[in-house]
Structure formats: structure tokens, C-alpha cells
């Protein structure tokens, strides 16, 4: 009978040791490990939309920059001639 109680105590002790070890693991994982964003498709799609909007909004600026660049090059070429 005494062996039965010591065996049960040992099993309960092991159970609580495993349980609290798991709780410590979960605490450390929640506290120190960065969260993973599961919405990879959504964020990639959002980034793509932002890039497209930015490119389209700068299309007029691009034409103006090209004209300015051509003018600058022509002025510099005139100086060296």
C-alpha cells in the first residue's frame, strides 16, 4: 500500500512538473518571440497596390523630370562646345 502512494505521488509530481514546464515555455514564447503575421497574402497585395499607386502618381513627375534632364544635358553640351 505504501508503494502505491509513493508511485501515485511520483506520477502526480511528474504530471505537475510537465504541466508547469509547458506553462513556462508558453510564457517565454509569448513574451520574447516576435509575433508572426499570418496575413502574408493580404500584406503583399497591399504593398503591391501601394507601389502601383506610387508609380502612377509619379508618372507625370517622370515626364517633367525627363524634360528637365534633356534641358540640363543640352545646356551642358552647349557649354562644352
PDB file of N, CA and C in Angstrom:
ATOM      1  N   UNK A   1       0.823  -1.185   0.000  1.00  0.00           N
ATOM      2  CA  UNK A   1       0.000   0.000   0.000  1.00  0.00           C
ATOM      3  C   UNK A   1       0.878   1.264   0.000  1.00  0.00           C
ATOM      4  N   UNK A   2       1.978   1.199   0.745  1.00  0.00           N
ATOM      5  CA  UNK A   2       2.891   2.322   0.824  1.00  0.00           C
ATOM      6  C   UNK A   2       3.537   2.593  -0.543  1.00  0.00           C
ATOM      7  N   UNK A   3       3.846   1.535  -1.278  1.00  0.00           N
ATOM      8  CA  UNK A   3       4.419   1.691  -2.611  1.00  0.00           C
ATOM      9  C   UNK A   3       3.413   2.332  -3.565  1.00  0.00           C
ATOM     10  N   UNK A   4       2.143   2.008  -3.406  1.00  0.00           N
ATOM     11  CA  UNK A   4       1.098   2.582  -4.250  1.00  0.00           C
ATOM     12  C   UNK A   4       1.042   4.103  -4.079  1.00  0.00           C
ATOM     13  N   UNK A   5       1.068   4.575  -2.840  1.00  0.00           N
ATOM     14  CA  UNK A   5       1.013   6.015  -2.579  1.00  0.00           C
ATOM     15  C   UNK A   5       2.283   6.722  -3.072  1.00  0.00           C
ATOM     16  N   UNK A   6       3.422   6.090  -2.907  1.00  0.00           N
ATOM     17  CA  UNK A   6       4.654   6.717  -3.390  1.00  0.00           C
ATOM     18  C   UNK A   6       4.662   6.761  -4.922  1.00  0.00           C
ATOM     19  N   UNK A   7       4.137   5.729  -5.570  1.00  0.00           N
ATOM     20  CA  UNK A   7       4.029   5.717  -7.028  1.00  0.00           C
ATOM     21  C   UNK A   7       3.055   6.793  -7.503  1.00  0.00           C
ATOM     22  N   UNK A   8       1.921   6.917  -6.841  1.00  0.00           N
ATOM     23  CA  UNK A   8       0.938   7.949  -7.191  1.00  0.00           C
ATOM     24  C   UNK A   8       1.518   9.346  -6.965  1.00  0.00           C
ATOM     25  N   UNK A   9       2.248   9.525  -5.883  1.00  0.00           N
ATOM     26  CA  UNK A   9       2.877  10.816  -5.610  1.00  0.00           C
ATOM     27  C   UNK A   9       3.900  11.134  -6.697  1.00  0.00           C
ATOM     28  N   UNK A  10       4.669  10.132  -7.097  1.00  0.00           N
ATOM     29  CA  UNK A  10       5.657  10.321  -8.148  1.00  0.00           C
ATOM     30  C   UNK A  10       4.971  10.699  -9.466  1.00  0.00           C
ATOM     31  N   UNK A  11       3.885  10.015  -9.821  1.00  0.00           N
ATOM     32  CA  UNK A  11       3.157  10.298 -11.059  1.00  0.00           C
ATOM     33  C   UNK A  11       2.568  11.708 -11.024  1.00  0.00           C
ATOM     34  N   UNK A  12       1.979  12.099  -9.913  1.00  0.00           N
ATOM     35  CA  UNK A  12       1.402  13.442  -9.777  1.00  0.00           C
ATOM     36  C   UNK A  12       2.502  14.495  -9.859  1.00  0.00           C
ATOM     37  N   UNK A  13       3.638  14.227  -9.211  1.00  0.00           N
ATOM     38  CA  UNK A  13       4.765  15.162  -9.273  1.00  0.00           C
ATOM     39  C   UNK A  13       5.257  15.338 -10.708  1.00  0.00           C
ATOM     40  N   UNK A  14       5.407  14.244 -11.434  1.00  0.00           N
ATOM     41  CA  UNK A  14       5.846  14.299 -12.830  1.00  0.00           C
ATOM     42  C   UNK A  14       4.826  15.056 -13.673  1.00  0.00           C
ATOM     43  N   UNK A  15       3.534  14.796 -13.440  1.00  0.00           N
ATOM     44  CA  UNK A  15       2.477  15.487 -14.169  1.00  0.00           C
ATOM     45  C   UNK A  15       2.574  16.998 -13.962  1.00  0.00           C
ATOM     46  N   UNK A  16       2.692  17.447 -12.700  1.00  0.00           N
ATOM     47  CA  UNK A  16       2.788  18.875 -12.410  1.00  0.00           C
ATOM     48  C   UNK A  16       4.093  19.471 -12.955  1.00  0.00           C
ATOM     49  N   UNK A  17       5.171  18.712 -12.925  1.00  0.00           N
ATOM     50  CA  UNK A  17       6.435  19.202 -13.476  1.00  0.00           C
ATOM     51  C   UNK A  17       6.306  19.436 -14.980  1.00  0.00           C
ATOM     52  N   UNK A  18       5.684  18.508 -15.674  1.00  0.00           N
ATOM     53  CA  UNK A  18       5.481  18.661 -17.118  1.00  0.00           C
ATOM     54  C   UNK A  18       4.537  19.831 -17.392  1.00  0.00           C
ATOM     55  N   UNK A  19       3.439  19.908 -16.633  1.00  0.00           N
ATOM     56  CA  UNK A  19       2.456  20.972 -16.830  1.00  0.00           C
ATOM     57  C   UNK A  19       3.083  22.348 -16.617  1.00  0.00           C
ATOM     58  N   UNK A  20       3.811  22.543 -15.512  1.00  0.00           N
ATOM     59  CA  UNK A  20       4.402  23.852 -15.242  1.00  0.00           C
ATOM     60  C   UNK A  20       5.562  24.163 -16.181  1.00  0.00           C
ATOM     61  N   UNK A  21       6.272  23.155 -16.633  1.00  0.00           N
ATOM     62  CA  UNK A  21       7.320  23.378 -17.629  1.00  0.00           C
ATOM     63  C   UNK A  21       6.694  23.875 -18.935  1.00  0.00           C
ATOM     64  N   UNK A  22       5.572  23.289 -19.296  1.00  0.00           N
ATOM     65  CA  UNK A  22       4.869  23.721 -20.502  1.00  0.00           C
ATOM     66  C   UNK A  22       4.358  25.157 -20.339  1.00  0.00           C
ATOM     67  N   UNK A  23       3.851  25.500 -19.166  1.00  0.00           N
ATOM     68  CA  UNK A  23       3.376  26.863 -18.919  1.00  0.00           C
ATOM     69  C   UNK A  23       4.527  27.868 -19.008  1.00  0.00           C
ATOM     70  N   UNK A  24       5.690  27.515 -18.484  1.00  0.00           N
ATOM     71  CA  UNK A  24       6.862  28.391 -18.578  1.00  0.00           C
ATOM     72  C   UNK A  24       7.268  28.548 -20.037  1.00  0.00           C
ATOM     73  N   UNK A  25       7.238  27.461 -20.795  1.00  0.00           N
ATOM     74  CA  UNK A  25       7.549  27.514 -22.223  1.00  0.00           C
ATOM     75  C   UNK A  25       6.591  28.448 -22.955  1.00  0.00           C
ATOM     76  N   UNK A  26       5.282  28.333 -22.687  1.00  0.00           N
ATOM     77  CA  UNK A  26       4.300  29.210 -23.319  1.00  0.00           C
ATOM     78  C   UNK A  26       4.518  30.670 -22.929  1.00  0.00           C
ATOM     79  N   UNK A  27       4.865  30.921 -21.673  1.00  0.00           N
ATOM     80  CA  UNK A  27       5.115  32.279 -21.218  1.00  0.00           C
ATOM     81  C   UNK A  27       6.301  32.883 -21.956  1.00  0.00           C
ATOM     82  N   UNK A  28       7.389  32.119 -22.049  1.00  0.00           N
ATOM     83  CA  UNK A  28       8.585  32.606 -22.738  1.00  0.00           C
ATOM     84  C   UNK A  28       8.288  32.828 -24.217  1.00  0.00           C
ATOM     85  N   UNK A  29       7.553  31.914 -24.813  1.00  0.00           N
ATOM     86  CA  UNK A  29       7.206  32.039 -26.221  1.00  0.00           C
ATOM     87  C   UNK A  29       6.353  33.285 -26.455  1.00  0.00           C
ATOM     88  N   UNK A  30       5.399  33.544 -25.606  1.00  0.00           N
ATOM     89  CA  UNK A  30       4.528  34.714 -25.769  1.00  0.00           C
ATOM     90  C   UNK A  30       5.268  36.014 -25.473  1.00  0.00           C
ATOM     91  N   UNK A  31       6.167  35.978 -24.505  1.00  0.00           N
ATOM     92  CA  UNK A  31       6.843  37.197 -24.057  1.00  0.00           C
ATOM     93  C   UNK A  31       7.984  37.611 -24.983  1.00  0.00           C
ATOM     94  N   UNK A  32       8.797  36.680 -25.438  1.00  0.00           N
ATOM     95  CA  UNK A  32      10.048  37.020 -26.114  1.00  0.00           C
ATOM     96  C   UNK A  32      10.108  36.690 -27.602  1.00  0.00           C
ATOM     97  N   UNK A  33       9.209  35.889 -28.118  1.00  0.00           N
ATOM     98  CA  UNK A  33       9.244  35.525 -29.528  1.00  0.00           C
ATOM     99  C   UNK A  33       8.344  36.494 -30.293  1.00  0.00           C
ATOM    100  N   UNK A  34       8.848  37.095 -31.387  1.00  0.00           N
ATOM    101  CA  UNK A  34       8.003  38.043 -32.134  1.00  0.00           C
ATOM    102  C   UNK A  34       6.810  37.341 -32.772  1.00  0.00           C
ATOM    103  N   UNK A  35       5.733  38.080 -32.864  1.00  0.00           N
ATOM    104  CA  UNK A  35       4.517  37.534 -33.459  1.00  0.00           C
ATOM    105  C   UNK A  35       4.704  37.393 -34.962  1.00  0.00           C
ATOM    106  N   UNK A  36       4.137  36.340 -35.525  1.00  0.00           N
ATOM    107  CA  UNK A  36       4.207  36.088 -36.957  1.00  0.00           C
ATOM    108  C   UNK A  36       2.901  36.566 -37.574  1.00  0.00           C
ATOM    109  N   UNK A  37       3.027  37.365 -38.631  1.00  0.00           N
ATOM    110  CA  UNK A  37       1.844  37.860 -39.303  1.00  0.00           C
ATOM    111  C   UNK A  37       1.343  36.783 -40.262  1.00  0.00           C
ATOM    112  N   UNK A  38       0.140  36.288 -40.042  1.00  0.00           N
ATOM    113  CA  UNK A  38      -0.403  35.209 -40.853  1.00  0.00           C
ATOM    114  C   UNK A  38      -1.047  35.712 -42.140  1.00  0.00           C
ATOM    115  N   UNK A  39      -1.184  37.026 -42.286  1.00  0.00           N
ATOM    116  CA  UNK A  39      -1.847  37.592 -43.446  1.00  0.00           C
ATOM    117  C   UNK A  39      -0.827  37.968 -44.527  1.00  0.00           C
ATOM    118  N   UNK A  40      -0.015  37.022 -44.917  1.00  0.00           N
ATOM    119  CA  UNK A  40       1.048  37.299 -45.876  1.00  0.00           C
ATOM    120  C   UNK A  40       0.482  37.736 -47.220  1.00  0.00           C
ATOM    121  N   UNK A  41      -0.570  37.065 -47.697  1.00  0.00           N
ATOM    122  CA  UNK A  41      -1.149  37.427 -48.989  1.00  0.00           C
ATOM    123  C   UNK A  41      -1.696  38.842 -48.939  1.00  0.00           C
ATOM    124  N   UNK A  42      -2.404  39.166 -47.885  1.00  0.00           N
ATOM    125  CA  UNK A  42      -3.012  40.489 -47.764  1.00  0.00           C
ATOM    126  C   UNK A  42      -1.941  41.574 -47.712  1.00  0.00           C
ATOM    127  N   UNK A  43      -0.899  41.368 -46.925  1.00  0.00           N
ATOM    128  CA  UNK A  43       0.137  42.396 -46.813  1.00  0.00           C
ATOM    129  C   UNK A  43       0.905  42.536 -48.123  1.00  0.00           C
ATOM    130  N   UNK A  44       1.180  41.435 -48.819  1.00  0.00           N
ATOM    131  CA  UNK A  44       1.866  41.517 -50.097  1.00  0.00           C
ATOM    132  C   UNK A  44       0.997  42.242 -51.125  1.00  0.00           C
ATOM    133  N   UNK A  45      -0.287  41.938 -51.117  1.00  0.00           N
ATOM    134  CA  UNK A  45      -1.214  42.585 -52.039  1.00  0.00           C
ATOM    135  C   UNK A  45      -1.303  44.089 -51.730  1.00  0.00           C
ATOM    136  N   UNK A  46      -1.321  44.428 -50.460  1.00  0.00           N
ATOM    137  CA  UNK A  46      -1.375  45.830 -50.046  1.00  0.00           C
ATOM    138  C   UNK A  46      -0.099  46.568 -50.471  1.00  0.00           C
ATOM    139  N   UNK A  47       1.064  45.928 -50.299  1.00  0.00           N
ATOM    140  CA  UNK A  47       2.320  46.542 -50.724  1.00  0.00           C
ATOM    141  C   UNK A  47       2.329  46.762 -52.234  1.00  0.00           C
ATOM    142  N   UNK A  48       1.852  45.775 -52.984  1.00  0.00           N
ATOM    143  CA  UNK A  48       1.790  45.885 -54.438  1.00  0.00           C
ATOM    144  C   UNK A  48       0.886  47.054 -54.838  1.00  0.00           C
ATOM    145  N   UNK A  49      -0.282  47.169 -54.205  1.00  0.00           N
ATOM    146  CA  UNK A  49      -1.187  48.277 -54.508  1.00  0.00           C
ATOM    147  C   UNK A  49      -0.534  49.626 -54.202  1.00  0.00           C
ATOM    148  N   UNK A  50       0.180  49.712 -53.094  1.00  0.00           N
ATOM    149  CA  UNK A  50       0.859  50.963 -52.760  1.00  0.00           C
ATOM    150  C   UNK A  50       1.919  51.330 -53.792  1.00  0.00           C
ATOM    151  N   UNK A  51       2.674  50.342 -54.239  1.00  0.00           N
ATOM    152  CA  UNK A  51       3.706  50.595 -55.242  1.00  0.00           C
ATOM    153  C   UNK A  51       3.066  51.056 -56.552  1.00  0.00           C
ATOM    154  N   UNK A  52       1.992  50.395 -56.962  1.00  0.00           N
ATOM    155  CA  UNK A  52       1.314  50.773 -58.208  1.00  0.00           C
ATOM    156  C   UNK A  52       0.777  52.194 -58.099  1.00  0.00           C
ATOM    157  N   UNK A  53       0.151  52.520 -56.967  1.00  0.00           N
ATOM    158  CA  UNK A  53      -0.358  53.887 -56.778  1.00  0.00           C
ATOM    159  C   UNK A  53       0.779  54.910 -56.840  1.00  0.00           C
ATOM    160  N   UNK A  54       1.893  54.580 -56.213  1.00  0.00           N
ATOM    161  CA  UNK A  54       3.022  55.499 -56.199  1.00  0.00           C
ATOM    162  C   UNK A  54       3.581  55.704 -57.603  1.00  0.00           C
ATOM    163  N   UNK A  55       3.715  54.628 -58.355  1.00  0.00           N
ATOM    164  CA  UNK A  55       4.236  54.741 -59.723  1.00  0.00           C
ATOM    165  C   UNK A  55       3.275  55.551 -60.584  1.00  0.00           C
ATOM    166  N   UNK A  56       1.992  55.287 -60.460  1.00  0.00           N
ATOM    167  CA  UNK A  56       1.026  56.025 -61.264  1.00  0.00           C
ATOM    168  C   UNK A  56       0.963  57.495 -60.879  1.00  0.00           C
ATOM    169  N   UNK A  57       1.135  57.790 -59.617  1.00  0.00           N
ATOM    170  CA  UNK A  57       1.096  59.186 -59.193  1.00  0.00           C
ATOM    171  C   UNK A  57       2.347  59.936 -59.634  1.00  0.00           C
ATOM    172  N   UNK A  58       3.449  59.239 -59.823  1.00  0.00           N
ATOM    173  CA  UNK A  58       4.697  59.877 -60.232  1.00  0.00           C
ATOM    174  C   UNK A  58       4.909  59.843 -61.742  1.00  0.00           C
ATOM    175  N   UNK A  59       3.928  59.366 -62.482  1.00  0.00           N
ATOM    176  CA  UNK A  59       4.074  59.283 -63.933  1.00  0.00           C
ATOM    177  C   UNK A  59       4.237  60.674 -64.545  1.00  0.00           C
ATOM    178  N   UNK A  60       3.454  61.637 -64.097  1.00  0.00           N
ATOM    179  CA  UNK A  60       3.567  63.000 -64.610  1.00  0.00           C
ATOM    180  C   UNK A  60       4.897  63.619 -64.186  1.00  0.00           C
ATOM    181  N   UNK A  61       5.299  63.324 -62.972  1.00  0.00           N
ATOM    182  CA  UNK A  61       6.590  63.819 -62.500  1.00  0.00           C
ATOM    183  C   UNK A  61       7.738  63.246 -63.333  1.00  0.00           C
ATOM    184  N   UNK A  62       7.573  62.010 -63.765  1.00  0.00           N
ATOM    185  CA  UNK A  62       8.611  61.364 -64.566  1.00  0.00           C
ATOM    186  C   UNK A  62       8.789  62.096 -65.891  1.00  0.00           C
ATOM    187  N   UNK A  63       7.695  62.456 -66.512  1.00  0.00           N
ATOM    188  CA  UNK A  63       7.769  63.180 -67.784  1.00  0.00           C
ATOM    189  C   UNK A  63       8.452  64.528 -67.570  1.00  0.00           C
ATOM    190  N   UNK A  64       8.098  65.221 -66.509  1.00  0.00           N
ATOM    191  CA  UNK A  64       8.725  66.504 -66.218  1.00  0.00           C
ATOM    192  C   UNK A  64      10.214  66.333 -65.918  1.00  0.00           C
ATOM    193  N   UNK A  65      10.555  65.279 -65.187  1.00  0.00           N
ATOM    194  CA  UNK A  65      11.966  65.031 -64.886  1.00  0.00           C
ATOM    195  C   UNK A  65      12.757  64.728 -66.155  1.00  0.00           C
ATOM    196  N   UNK A  66      12.152  63.979 -67.078  1.00  0.00           N
ATOM    197  CA  UNK A  66      12.835  63.685 -68.335  1.00  0.00           C
ATOM    198  C   UNK A  66      13.065  64.968 -69.128  1.00  0.00           C
ATOM    199  N   UNK A  67      12.072  65.834 -69.165  1.00  0.00           N
ATOM    200  CA  UNK A  67      12.231  67.109 -69.876  1.00  0.00           C
ATOM    201  C   UNK A  67      13.324  67.955 -69.215  1.00  0.00           C
ATOM    202  N   UNK A  68      13.319  68.002 -67.898  1.00  0.00           N
ATOM    203  CA  UNK A  68      14.358  68.749 -67.190  1.00  0.00           C
ATOM    204  C   UNK A  68      15.744  68.169 -67.455  1.00  0.00           C
ATOM    205  N   UNK A  69      15.821  66.844 -67.487  1.00  0.00           N
ATOM    206  CA  UNK A  69      17.096  66.187 -67.760  1.00  0.00           C
ATOM    207  C   UNK A  69      17.592  66.516 -69.169  1.00  0.00           C
ATOM    208  N   UNK A  70      16.706  66.484 -70.154  1.00  0.00           N
ATOM    209  CA  UNK A  70      17.090  66.820 -71.525  1.00  0.00           C
ATOM    210  C   UNK A  70      17.576  68.277 -71.609  1.00  0.00           C
ATOM    211  N   UNK A  71      16.881  69.145 -70.943  1.00  0.00           N
ATOM    212  CA  UNK A  71      17.305  70.554 -70.935  1.00  0.00           C
ATOM    213  C   UNK A  71      18.678  70.711 -70.288  1.00  0.00           C
ATOM    214  N   UNK A  72      18.882  70.026 -69.191  1.00  0.00           N
ATOM    215  CA  UNK A  72      20.167  70.094 -68.496  1.00  0.00           C
ATOM    216  C   UNK A  72      21.295  69.577 -69.377  1.00  0.00           C
ATOM    217  N   UNK A  73      21.057  68.463 -70.044  1.00  0.00           N
ATOM    218  CA  UNK A  73      22.076  67.876 -70.915  1.00  0.00           C
ATOM    219  C   UNK A  73      22.376  68.822 -72.076  1.00  0.00           C
ATOM    220  N   UNK A  74      21.352  69.405 -72.657  1.00  0.00           N
ATOM    221  CA  UNK A  74      21.560  70.334 -73.765  1.00  0.00           C
ATOM    222  C   UNK A  74      22.359  71.556 -73.319  1.00  0.00           C
ATOM    223  N   UNK A  75      22.062  72.066 -72.143  1.00  0.00           N
ATOM    224  CA  UNK A  75      22.807  73.218 -71.622  1.00  0.00           C
ATOM    225  C   UNK A  75      24.277  72.866 -71.396  1.00  0.00           C
ATOM    226  N   UNK A  76      24.507  71.702 -70.840  1.00  0.00           N
ATOM    227  CA  UNK A  76      25.894  71.285 -70.591  1.00  0.00           C
ATOM    228  C   UNK A  76      26.641  71.014 -71.886  1.00  0.00           C
ATOM    229  N   UNK A  77      25.955  70.480 -72.864  1.00  0.00           N
ATOM    230  CA  UNK A  77      26.603  70.240 -74.156  1.00  0.00           C
ATOM    231  C   UNK A  77      26.970  71.567 -74.821  1.00  0.00           C
ATOM    232  N   UNK A  78      26.115  72.545 -74.686  1.00  0.00           N
ATOM    233  CA  UNK A  78      26.415  73.857 -75.258  1.00  0.00           C
ATOM    234  C   UNK A  78      27.649  74.488 -74.609  1.00  0.00           C
ATOM    235  N   UNK A  79      27.803  74.238 -73.300  1.00  0.00           N
ATOM    236  CA  UNK A  79      28.940  74.800 -72.599  1.00  0.00           C
ATOM    237  C   UNK A  79      30.254  74.189 -73.086  1.00  0.00           C
ATOM    238  N   UNK A  80      30.264  72.936 -73.423  1.00  0.00           N
ATOM    239  CA  UNK A  80      31.495  72.258 -73.811  1.00  0.00           C
ATOM    240  C   UNK A  80      31.807  72.401 -75.289  1.00  0.00           C
ATOM    241  N   UNK A  81      30.895  72.953 -76.059  1.00  0.00           N
ATOM    242  CA  UNK A  81      31.147  73.105 -77.495  1.00  0.00           C
ATOM    243  C   UNK A  81      31.959  74.333 -77.762  1.00  0.00           C
TER     244      UNK A  81
END
